[in-house]
Amino acid sequence: MPVLFENLSRNQADLCTLVLTSTGIPHNVQRDHLGWRVWVDDVHYDRALGMMQDYFRENRETPDVPDPPLASVPAAAVSGVAAAFFLLISHAWVTGLDNTREVILRYGASAVDIMNGETYRTITALMLHADSVHLAGNMAGIAFFGMAVCTIAGRGVGWFMILMSGALGNMVNAFMYASGHLSIGASTSVFGAIGILSGYQFIKRRRTRAGRFAAWAPLGGGLALLGMLGSAAHVDLTAHLFGLIAGMVLGMTHAFFIPVRLASSRQRLAGAAVFALILIAWNSGRG
């Protein structure tokens, strides 16, 4: 039975009971040393989450909420492996073509072409890799950090934010270089995922008195990972940095404006948007 809310005051717990009872959703309320918890059955979780989210949004009240139930971790792990496999399939397809170099030139994150309106490159470049070593590192990164993001945000919203952080990182990077620069690889999204985690934890810790100073630790950790993993020779450091920053902004936005994980229907909508954006981006390059 997953926890819907935790660390509630007595009044907040009573309010949750009132809302859930009025909608006929079975639930349990228990008290521990940190406060009150509200529990619901798995079958009612998404509905209860949606009802309470709508209520708190309308009334501008945001209780402390737990991370998604541990039951979501296996699903998030599967999605991370699936994303890594998708990168592998994309690389195999591109390298199997006779005109691999032409594909990279047409779909890579060329600064001058992006500035001239070919914004689809900010997405397609994420699925292009220089060699197997480049690919392997990004597969491992996207599987691990993607799983972590999806655990806190859900698979649909999580992958949407990861894709957007990579695209935004490539976009800003292109405008910084203006011309004469070509970037490829999913590492911008990998660092975007690190940024999402850092930004999310920053907001979560800032909401507690004890964590206001410690809240800066996740942001520092993200920058430290950038220094360790993203600044090796022959890598696009600025793309990694902008992906990290874009991810931090998205992570903070999610933690601040979406206090609970979105229900399954909205997760599916976000997931569909990811596939649609990828398809549209690759199709745009064919013109």
C-alpha atoms as a PDB file:
ATOM      1  CA  MET A   1       0.000   0.000   0.000  1.00  0.00           C
ATOM      2  CA  PRO A   2       1.801   3.196  -1.161  1.00  0.00           C
ATOM      3  CA  VAL A   3       1.992   6.383   0.869  1.00  0.00           C
ATOM      4  CA  LEU A   4      -0.001   9.220  -0.666  1.00  0.00           C
ATOM      5  CA  PHE A   5       1.216  11.942   1.743  1.00  0.00           C
ATOM      6  CA  GLU A   6       3.516  12.010   4.740  1.00  0.00           C
ATOM      7  CA  ASN A   7       4.747  14.438   7.431  1.00  0.00           C
ATOM      8  CA  LEU A   8       1.296  16.044   7.606  1.00  0.00           C
ATOM      9  CA  SER A   9      -0.148  18.076  10.454  1.00  0.00           C
ATOM     10  CA  ARG A  10      -3.330  16.840  12.090  1.00  0.00           C
ATOM     11  CA  ASN A  11      -5.373  19.448  10.205  1.00  0.00           C
ATOM     12  CA  GLN A  12      -3.846  18.441   6.868  1.00  0.00           C
ATOM     13  CA  ALA A  13      -4.530  14.765   7.571  1.00  0.00           C
ATOM     14  CA  ASP A  14      -8.139  15.569   8.475  1.00  0.00           C
ATOM     15  CA  LEU A  15      -8.458  17.571   5.259  1.00  0.00           C
ATOM     16  CA  CYS A  16      -7.176  14.650   3.190  1.00  0.00           C
ATOM     17  CA  THR A  17      -9.630  12.351   4.943  1.00  0.00           C
ATOM     18  CA  LEU A  18     -12.478  14.732   4.159  1.00  0.00           C
ATOM     19  CA  VAL A  19     -11.602  14.990   0.447  1.00  0.00           C
ATOM     20  CA  LEU A  20     -10.940  11.272  -0.044  1.00  0.00           C
ATOM     21  CA  THR A  21     -14.037  10.223   1.901  1.00  0.00           C
ATOM     22  CA  SER A  22     -16.236  12.587  -0.087  1.00  0.00           C
ATOM     23  CA  THR A  23     -15.041  10.957  -3.309  1.00  0.00           C
ATOM     24  CA  GLY A  24     -15.412   7.411  -2.000  1.00  0.00           C
ATOM     25  CA  ILE A  25     -11.699   6.520  -2.054  1.00  0.00           C
ATOM     26  CA  PRO A  26     -10.696   4.018   0.678  1.00  0.00           C
ATOM     27  CA  HIS A  27      -7.669   5.136   2.685  1.00  0.00           C
ATOM     28  CA  ASN A  28      -5.867   4.838   5.995  1.00  0.00           C
ATOM     29  CA  VAL A  29      -4.392   7.531   8.199  1.00  0.00           C
ATOM     30  CA  GLN A  30      -1.547   6.766  10.605  1.00  0.00           C
ATOM     31  CA  ARG A  31       0.715   8.802  12.836  1.00  0.00           C
ATOM     32  CA  ASP A  32       4.470   8.362  13.274  1.00  0.00           C
ATOM     33  CA  HIS A  33       7.245  10.407  14.904  1.00  0.00           C
ATOM     34  CA  LEU A  34       7.357  12.820  11.933  1.00  0.00           C
ATOM     35  CA  GLY A  35       3.629  13.485  11.636  1.00  0.00           C
ATOM     36  CA  TRP A  36       0.623  11.963   9.911  1.00  0.00           C
ATOM     37  CA  ARG A  37       0.617   9.707   6.838  1.00  0.00           C
ATOM     38  CA  VAL A  38      -2.171   8.985   4.385  1.00  0.00           C
ATOM     39  CA  TRP A  39      -2.176   5.566   2.692  1.00  0.00           C
ATOM     40  CA  VAL A  40      -4.249   4.265  -0.229  1.00  0.00           C
ATOM     41  CA  ASP A  41      -4.422   0.950  -2.064  1.00  0.00           C
ATOM     42  CA  ASP A  42      -2.467   0.590  -5.311  1.00  0.00           C
ATOM     43  CA  VAL A  43      -5.673   0.381  -7.308  1.00  0.00           C
ATOM     44  CA  HIS A  44      -6.856   3.760  -5.981  1.00  0.00           C
ATOM     45  CA  TYR A  45      -3.475   5.534  -5.993  1.00  0.00           C
ATOM     46  CA  ASP A  46      -3.736   7.385  -9.324  1.00  0.00           C
ATOM     47  CA  ARG A  47      -7.279   8.533  -8.703  1.00  0.00           C
ATOM     48  CA  ALA A  48      -6.513   9.707  -5.170  1.00  0.00           C
ATOM     49  CA  LEU A  49      -3.390  11.473  -6.377  1.00  0.00           C
ATOM     50  CA  GLY A  50      -5.309  13.319  -9.062  1.00  0.00           C
ATOM     51  CA  MET A  51      -8.096  14.340  -6.705  1.00  0.00           C
ATOM     52  CA  MET A  52      -5.748  15.680  -4.049  1.00  0.00           C
ATOM     53  CA  GLN A  53      -3.533  17.401  -6.605  1.00  0.00           C
ATOM     54  CA  ASP A  54      -6.522  19.263  -8.044  1.00  0.00           C
ATOM     55  CA  TYR A  55      -7.679  20.229  -4.575  1.00  0.00           C
ATOM     56  CA  PHE A  56      -4.308  21.574  -3.439  1.00  0.00           C
ATOM     57  CA  ARG A  57      -3.818  23.443  -6.701  1.00  0.00           C
ATOM     58  CA  GLU A  58      -7.199  25.142  -6.403  1.00  0.00           C
ATOM     59  CA  ASN A  59      -6.658  26.010  -2.745  1.00  0.00           C
ATOM     60  CA  ARG A  60      -2.932  26.785  -3.053  1.00  0.00           C
ATOM     61  CA  GLU A  61      -1.983  24.374  -0.282  1.00  0.00           C
ATOM     62  CA  THR A  62       1.042  22.098  -0.621  1.00  0.00           C
ATOM     63  CA  PRO A  63       1.694  19.496   2.092  1.00  0.00           C
ATOM     64  CA  ASP A  64       4.952  17.595   2.322  1.00  0.00           C
ATOM     65  CA  VAL A  65       4.694  14.627  -0.009  1.00  0.00           C
ATOM     66  CA  PRO A  66       6.879  11.538  -0.283  1.00  0.00           C
ATOM     67  CA  ASP A  67       8.814  10.440  -3.303  1.00  0.00           C
ATOM     68  CA  PRO A  68       6.889   8.031  -5.558  1.00  0.00           C
ATOM     69  CA  PRO A  69       6.261   4.572  -4.081  1.00  0.00           C
ATOM     70  CA  LEU A  70       9.088   2.082  -4.332  1.00  0.00           C
ATOM     71  CA  ALA A  71       6.866  -0.035  -6.551  1.00  0.00           C
ATOM     72  CA  SER A  72       7.617   2.440  -9.342  1.00  0.00           C
ATOM     73  CA  VAL A  73      11.372   1.763  -9.204  1.00  0.00           C
ATOM     74  CA  PRO A  74      11.332  -1.451 -11.298  1.00  0.00           C
ATOM     75  CA  ALA A  75       9.225   0.249 -13.972  1.00  0.00           C
ATOM     76  CA  ALA A  76      11.577   3.244 -13.969  1.00  0.00           C
ATOM     77  CA  ALA A  77      14.569   0.901 -14.293  1.00  0.00           C
ATOM     78  CA  VAL A  78      12.969  -0.845 -17.267  1.00  0.00           C
ATOM     79  CA  SER A  79      12.354   2.499 -18.946  1.00  0.00           C
ATOM     80  CA  GLY A  80      16.005   3.476 -18.384  1.00  0.00           C
ATOM     81  CA  VAL A  81      17.211   0.264 -20.014  1.00  0.00           C
ATOM     82  CA  ALA A  82      14.727   0.791 -22.852  1.00  0.00           C
ATOM     83  CA  ALA A  83      16.079   4.301 -23.468  1.00  0.00           C
ATOM     84  CA  ALA A  84      19.647   2.981 -23.547  1.00  0.00           C
ATOM     85  CA  PHE A  85      18.580   0.264 -25.988  1.00  0.00           C
ATOM     86  CA  PHE A  86      16.919   2.924 -28.136  1.00  0.00           C
ATOM     87  CA  LEU A  87      20.253   4.757 -28.357  1.00  0.00           C
ATOM     88  CA  LEU A  88      21.915   1.499 -29.382  1.00  0.00           C
ATOM     89  CA  ILE A  89      19.344   0.850 -32.113  1.00  0.00           C
ATOM     90  CA  SER A  90      19.705   4.421 -33.397  1.00  0.00           C
ATOM     91  CA  HIS A  91      23.493   4.098 -33.537  1.00  0.00           C
ATOM     92  CA  ALA A  92      23.303   0.741 -35.308  1.00  0.00           C
ATOM     93  CA  TRP A  93      20.913   2.170 -37.874  1.00  0.00           C
ATOM     94  CA  VAL A  94      23.052   5.237 -38.576  1.00  0.00           C
ATOM     95  CA  THR A  95      26.346   3.339 -38.785  1.00  0.00           C
ATOM     96  CA  GLY A  96      24.722   0.784 -41.065  1.00  0.00           C
ATOM     97  CA  LEU A  97      24.010   3.426 -43.678  1.00  0.00           C
ATOM     98  CA  ASP A  98      26.374   4.140 -46.529  1.00  0.00           C
ATOM     99  CA  ASN A  99      26.156   7.882 -45.906  1.00  0.00           C
ATOM    100  CA  THR A 100      26.777   8.014 -42.133  1.00  0.00           C
ATOM    101  CA  ARG A 101      28.719  11.262 -42.378  1.00  0.00           C
ATOM    102  CA  GLU A 102      25.921  12.894 -44.346  1.00  0.00           C
ATOM    103  CA  VAL A 103      23.367  11.827 -41.726  1.00  0.00           C
ATOM    104  CA  ILE A 104      25.475  13.388 -38.961  1.00  0.00           C
ATOM    105  CA  LEU A 105      25.861  16.589 -40.954  1.00  0.00           C
ATOM    106  CA  ARG A 106      22.121  16.734 -41.642  1.00  0.00           C
ATOM    107  CA  TYR A 107      20.885  15.853 -38.152  1.00  0.00           C
ATOM    108  CA  GLY A 108      23.713  16.910 -35.830  1.00  0.00           C
ATOM    109  CA  ALA A 109      23.466  20.044 -33.668  1.00  0.00           C
ATOM    110  CA  SER A 110      25.071  22.428 -36.147  1.00  0.00           C
ATOM    111  CA  ALA A 111      25.117  25.869 -34.545  1.00  0.00           C
ATOM    112  CA  VAL A 112      24.651  27.845 -37.745  1.00  0.00           C
ATOM    113  CA  ASP A 113      21.825  25.620 -38.998  1.00  0.00           C
ATOM    114  CA  ILE A 114      19.987  25.731 -35.674  1.00  0.00           C
ATOM    115  CA  MET A 115      20.212  29.519 -35.716  1.00  0.00           C
ATOM    116  CA  ASN A 116      18.796  29.448 -39.247  1.00  0.00           C
ATOM    117  CA  GLY A 117      15.674  27.689 -38.032  1.00  0.00           C
ATOM    118  CA  GLU A 118      16.526  23.977 -38.137  1.00  0.00           C
ATOM    119  CA  THR A 119      15.650  23.495 -34.483  1.00  0.00           C
ATOM    120  CA  TYR A 120      14.872  19.795 -35.002  1.00  0.00           C
ATOM    121  CA  ARG A 121      18.631  19.229 -34.805  1.00  0.00           C
ATOM    122  CA  THR A 122      18.559  19.944 -31.070  1.00  0.00           C
ATOM    123  CA  ILE A 123      16.654  16.650 -30.664  1.00  0.00           C
ATOM    124  CA  THR A 124      18.049  14.439 -33.425  1.00  0.00           C
ATOM    125  CA  ALA A 125      21.636  15.189 -32.379  1.00  0.00           C
ATOM    126  CA  LEU A 126      20.931  13.469 -29.058  1.00  0.00           C
ATOM    127  CA  MET A 127      20.623  10.127 -30.882  1.00  0.00           C
ATOM    128  CA  LEU A 128      23.860  10.388 -32.873  1.00  0.00           C
ATOM    129  CA  HIS A 129      27.221   9.161 -31.547  1.00  0.00           C
ATOM    130  CA  ALA A 130      30.759   9.303 -32.847  1.00  0.00           C
ATOM    131  CA  ASP A 131      31.784   5.751 -31.921  1.00  0.00           C
ATOM    132  CA  SER A 132      30.961   2.779 -29.688  1.00  0.00           C
ATOM    133  CA  VAL A 133      32.854   4.197 -26.692  1.00  0.00           C
ATOM    134  CA  HIS A 134      30.907   7.449 -26.928  1.00  0.00           C
ATOM    135  CA  LEU A 135      27.688   5.443 -27.216  1.00  0.00           C
ATOM    136  CA  ALA A 136      28.457   3.086 -24.299  1.00  0.00           C
ATOM    137  CA  GLY A 137      29.094   5.931 -21.872  1.00  0.00           C
ATOM    138  CA  ASN A 138      25.852   7.656 -22.780  1.00  0.00           C
ATOM    139  CA  MET A 139      23.877   4.412 -22.628  1.00  0.00           C
ATOM    140  CA  ALA A 140      25.074   3.824 -19.072  1.00  0.00           C
ATOM    141  CA  GLY A 141      24.386   7.429 -18.073  1.00  0.00           C
ATOM    142  CA  ILE A 142      20.905   7.616 -19.575  1.00  0.00           C
ATOM    143  CA  ALA A 143      19.913   4.264 -18.046  1.00  0.00           C
ATOM    144  CA  PHE A 144      21.065   5.166 -14.519  1.00  0.00           C
ATOM    145  CA  PHE A 145      20.135   8.837 -14.272  1.00  0.00           C
ATOM    146  CA  GLY A 146      17.015   8.389 -16.390  1.00  0.00           C
ATOM    147  CA  MET A 147      15.807   5.729 -13.971  1.00  0.00           C
ATOM    148  CA  ALA A 148      16.389   8.103 -11.054  1.00  0.00           C
ATOM    149  CA  VAL A 149      14.445  10.935 -12.703  1.00  0.00           C
ATOM    150  CA  CYS A 150      11.543   8.650 -13.601  1.00  0.00           C
ATOM    151  CA  THR A 151      11.393   7.364 -10.031  1.00  0.00           C
ATOM    152  CA  ILE A 152      10.600  10.832  -8.708  1.00  0.00           C
ATOM    153  CA  ALA A 153       8.668  12.300 -11.643  1.00  0.00           C
ATOM    154  CA  GLY A 154       7.109   9.294 -13.374  1.00  0.00           C
ATOM    155  CA  ARG A 155       8.132   7.739 -16.665  1.00  0.00           C
ATOM    156  CA  GLY A 156       6.221  10.085 -18.962  1.00  0.00           C
ATOM    157  CA  VAL A 157       7.080  13.388 -17.297  1.00  0.00           C
ATOM    158  CA  GLY A 158      10.583  12.175 -16.476  1.00  0.00           C
ATOM    159  CA  TRP A 159      11.564  11.378 -20.064  1.00  0.00           C
ATOM    160  CA  PHE A 160       9.852  14.520 -21.323  1.00  0.00           C
ATOM    161  CA  MET A 161      12.008  16.650 -19.011  1.00  0.00           C
ATOM    162  CA  ILE A 162      15.154  14.711 -19.943  1.00  0.00           C
ATOM    163  CA  LEU A 163      14.478  15.200 -23.667  1.00  0.00           C
ATOM    164  CA  MET A 164      13.712  18.888 -23.181  1.00  0.00           C
ATOM    165  CA  SER A 165      16.835  19.479 -21.087  1.00  0.00           C
ATOM    166  CA  GLY A 166      18.987  17.988 -23.847  1.00  0.00           C
ATOM    167  CA  ALA A 167      17.235  19.971 -26.572  1.00  0.00           C
ATOM    168  CA  LEU A 168      17.447  23.217 -24.598  1.00  0.00           C
ATOM    169  CA  GLY A 169      21.109  22.579 -23.833  1.00  0.00           C
ATOM    170  CA  ASN A 170      21.856  22.110 -27.530  1.00  0.00           C
ATOM    171  CA  MET A 171      19.830  25.196 -28.392  1.00  0.00           C
ATOM    172  CA  VAL A 172      21.655  27.490 -25.973  1.00  0.00           C
ATOM    173  CA  ASN A 173      24.971  25.976 -26.990  1.00  0.00           C
ATOM    174  CA  ALA A 174      24.255  26.742 -30.640  1.00  0.00           C
ATOM    175  CA  PHE A 175      23.464  30.363 -29.882  1.00  0.00           C
ATOM    176  CA  MET A 176      26.650  30.672 -27.874  1.00  0.00           C
ATOM    177  CA  TYR A 177      28.839  29.383 -30.716  1.00  0.00           C
ATOM    178  CA  ALA A 178      26.715  31.027 -33.433  1.00  0.00           C
ATOM    179  CA  SER A 179      28.606  29.183 -36.214  1.00  0.00           C
ATOM    180  CA  GLY A 180      31.340  26.679 -36.936  1.00  0.00           C
ATOM    181  CA  HIS A 181      30.271  24.142 -34.311  1.00  0.00           C
ATOM    182  CA  LEU A 182      28.699  20.676 -34.556  1.00  0.00           C
ATOM    183  CA  SER A 183      27.636  18.664 -31.513  1.00  0.00           C
ATOM    184  CA  ILE A 184      26.256  15.116 -31.255  1.00  0.00           C
ATOM    185  CA  GLY A 185      25.477  12.663 -28.472  1.00  0.00           C
ATOM    186  CA  ALA A 186      22.989  12.021 -25.687  1.00  0.00           C
ATOM    187  CA  SER A 187      25.378  13.306 -23.032  1.00  0.00           C
ATOM    188  CA  THR A 188      23.618  16.693 -23.018  1.00  0.00           C
ATOM    189  CA  SER A 189      20.457  14.893 -21.901  1.00  0.00           C
ATOM    190  CA  VAL A 190      22.430  12.774 -19.428  1.00  0.00           C
ATOM    191  CA  PHE A 191      23.640  15.935 -17.723  1.00  0.00           C
ATOM    192  CA  GLY A 192      20.122  17.302 -18.091  1.00  0.00           C
ATOM    193  CA  ALA A 193      18.923  14.336 -16.015  1.00  0.00           C
ATOM    194  CA  ILE A 194      21.596  15.083 -13.396  1.00  0.00           C
ATOM    195  CA  GLY A 195      20.400  18.681 -13.355  1.00  0.00           C
ATOM    196  CA  ILE A 196      16.767  17.603 -12.916  1.00  0.00           C
ATOM    197  CA  LEU A 197      17.694  15.519  -9.885  1.00  0.00           C
ATOM    198  CA  SER A 198      19.781  18.354  -8.428  1.00  0.00           C
ATOM    199  CA  GLY A 199      17.104  20.997  -8.970  1.00  0.00           C
ATOM    200  CA  TYR A 200      14.344  18.764  -7.614  1.00  0.00           C
ATOM    201  CA  GLN A 201      16.245  17.993  -4.411  1.00  0.00           C
ATOM    202  CA  PHE A 202      17.163  21.662  -3.996  1.00  0.00           C
ATOM    203  CA  ILE A 203      13.501  22.679  -3.822  1.00  0.00           C
ATOM    204  CA  LYS A 204      12.506  19.723  -1.667  1.00  0.00           C
ATOM    205  CA  ARG A 205      15.203  20.525   0.899  1.00  0.00           C
ATOM    206  CA  ARG A 206      14.517  24.260   0.850  1.00  0.00           C
ATOM    207  CA  ARG A 207      10.988  23.533   2.071  1.00  0.00           C
ATOM    208  CA  THR A 208      12.291  22.247   5.392  1.00  0.00           C
ATOM    209  CA  ARG A 209      14.020  24.466   7.928  1.00  0.00           C
ATOM    210  CA  ALA A 210      16.755  21.954   8.623  1.00  0.00           C
ATOM    211  CA  GLY A 211      17.519  21.604   4.956  1.00  0.00           C
ATOM    212  CA  ARG A 212      17.794  25.215   3.825  1.00  0.00           C
ATOM    213  CA  PHE A 213      21.575  25.284   3.916  1.00  0.00           C
ATOM    214  CA  ALA A 214      21.916  21.639   2.901  1.00  0.00           C
ATOM    215  CA  ALA A 215      19.670  22.375  -0.094  1.00  0.00           C
ATOM    216  CA  TRP A 216      22.670  23.750  -1.965  1.00  0.00           C
ATOM    217  CA  ALA A 217      24.449  20.393  -1.754  1.00  0.00           C
ATOM    218  CA  PRO A 218      22.566  18.794  -4.701  1.00  0.00           C
ATOM    219  CA  LEU A 219      23.405  21.723  -6.970  1.00  0.00           C
ATOM    220  CA  GLY A 220      27.047  21.499  -5.958  1.00  0.00           C
ATOM    221  CA  GLY A 221      26.937  17.764  -6.550  1.00  0.00           C
ATOM    222  CA  GLY A 222      25.600  18.295 -10.047  1.00  0.00           C
ATOM    223  CA  LEU A 223      28.410  20.697 -10.862  1.00  0.00           C
ATOM    224  CA  ALA A 224      30.929  18.267  -9.381  1.00  0.00           C
ATOM    225  CA  LEU A 225      29.650  15.489 -11.645  1.00  0.00           C
ATOM    226  CA  LEU A 226      29.982  17.852 -14.577  1.00  0.00           C
ATOM    227  CA  GLY A 227      33.602  18.386 -13.652  1.00  0.00           C
ATOM    228  CA  MET A 228      34.305  14.678 -13.256  1.00  0.00           C
ATOM    229  CA  LEU A 229      32.290  13.219 -16.115  1.00  0.00           C
ATOM    230  CA  GLY A 230      31.682  15.994 -18.568  1.00  0.00           C
ATOM    231  CA  SER A 231      34.981  17.785 -18.995  1.00  0.00           C
ATOM    232  CA  ALA A 232      37.212  15.115 -20.514  1.00  0.00           C
ATOM    233  CA  ALA A 233      39.154  15.737 -23.695  1.00  0.00           C
ATOM    234  CA  HIS A 234      37.190  15.957 -26.954  1.00  0.00           C
ATOM    235  CA  VAL A 235      33.827  16.515 -25.269  1.00  0.00           C
ATOM    236  CA  ASP A 236      31.457  19.457 -25.668  1.00  0.00           C
ATOM    237  CA  LEU A 237      31.754  20.917 -22.169  1.00  0.00           C
ATOM    238  CA  THR A 238      29.467  23.868 -22.840  1.00  0.00           C
ATOM    239  CA  ALA A 239      26.684  21.620 -24.178  1.00  0.00           C
ATOM    240  CA  HIS A 240      26.999  19.528 -21.013  1.00  0.00           C
ATOM    241  CA  LEU A 241      26.887  22.661 -18.857  1.00  0.00           C
ATOM    242  CA  PHE A 242      23.820  24.086 -20.595  1.00  0.00           C
ATOM    243  CA  GLY A 243      22.091  20.692 -20.424  1.00  0.00           C
ATOM    244  CA  LEU A 244      22.820  20.578 -16.693  1.00  0.00           C
ATOM    245  CA  ILE A 245      21.469  24.104 -16.166  1.00  0.00           C
ATOM    246  CA  ALA A 246      18.353  23.394 -18.247  1.00  0.00           C
ATOM    247  CA  GLY A 247      17.775  20.260 -16.189  1.00  0.00           C
ATOM    248  CA  MET A 248      18.171  22.164 -12.915  1.00  0.00           C
ATOM    249  CA  VAL A 249      15.542  24.680 -14.015  1.00  0.00           C
ATOM    250  CA  LEU A 250      13.142  21.919 -15.070  1.00  0.00           C
ATOM    251  CA  GLY A 251      13.745  19.970 -11.860  1.00  0.00           C
ATOM    252  CA  MET A 252      13.095  23.039  -9.711  1.00  0.00           C
ATOM    253  CA  THR A 253       9.979  23.855 -11.720  1.00  0.00           C
ATOM    254  CA  HIS A 254       8.627  20.338 -11.298  1.00  0.00           C
ATOM    255  CA  ALA A 255       9.278  20.257  -7.542  1.00  0.00           C
ATOM    256  CA  PHE A 256       7.788  23.718  -7.012  1.00  0.00           C
ATOM    257  CA  PHE A 257       4.668  23.575  -9.192  1.00  0.00           C
ATOM    258  CA  ILE A 258       3.875  19.828  -9.156  1.00  0.00           C
ATOM    259  CA  PRO A 259       3.971  18.767  -5.483  1.00  0.00           C
ATOM    260  CA  VAL A 260       2.829  15.234  -6.287  1.00  0.00           C
ATOM    261  CA  ARG A 261       3.631  12.828  -9.074  1.00  0.00           C
ATOM    262  CA  LEU A 262       1.139  13.166 -11.928  1.00  0.00           C
ATOM    263  CA  ALA A 263      -1.423  10.424 -12.470  1.00  0.00           C
ATOM    264  CA  SER A 264      -0.962   7.676 -15.071  1.00  0.00           C
ATOM    265  CA  SER A 265      -3.154   9.344 -17.694  1.00  0.00           C
ATOM    266  CA  ARG A 266      -0.976  12.467 -17.687  1.00  0.00           C
ATOM    267  CA  GLN A 267       2.175  10.374 -17.611  1.00  0.00           C
ATOM    268  CA  ARG A 268       1.016   8.608 -20.776  1.00  0.00           C
ATOM    269  CA  LEU A 269       0.297  11.962 -22.406  1.00  0.00           C
ATOM    270  CA  ALA A 270       3.799  13.206 -21.594  1.00  0.00           C
ATOM    271  CA  GLY A 271       5.296   9.944 -22.873  1.00  0.00           C
ATOM    272  CA  ALA A 272       3.351  10.272 -26.122  1.00  0.00           C
ATOM    273  CA  ALA A 273       4.709  13.806 -26.486  1.00  0.00           C
ATOM    274  CA  VAL A 274       8.269  12.429 -26.243  1.00  0.00           C
ATOM    275  CA  PHE A 275       7.707   9.980 -29.083  1.00  0.00           C
ATOM    276  CA  ALA A 276       5.896  12.608 -31.153  1.00  0.00           C
ATOM    277  CA  LEU A 277       8.705  15.149 -30.777  1.00  0.00           C
ATOM    278  CA  ILE A 278      11.323  12.575 -31.785  1.00  0.00           C
ATOM    279  CA  LEU A 279       9.344  11.504 -34.853  1.00  0.00           C
ATOM    280  CA  ILE A 280       8.635  15.081 -35.897  1.00  0.00           C
ATOM    281  CA  ALA A 281      12.300  16.031 -35.465  1.00  0.00           C
ATOM    282  CA  TRP A 282      13.600  13.178 -37.651  1.00  0.00           C
ATOM    283  CA  ASN A 283      10.914  13.803 -40.248  1.00  0.00           C
ATOM    284  CA  SER A 284      11.754  17.527 -40.345  1.00  0.00           C
ATOM    285  CA  GLY A 285      15.296  16.731 -41.445  1.00  0.00           C
ATOM    286  CA  ARG A 286      14.084  14.886 -44.509  1.00  0.00           C
ATOM    287  CA  GLY A 287      12.862  18.016 -46.207  1.00  0.00           C
END
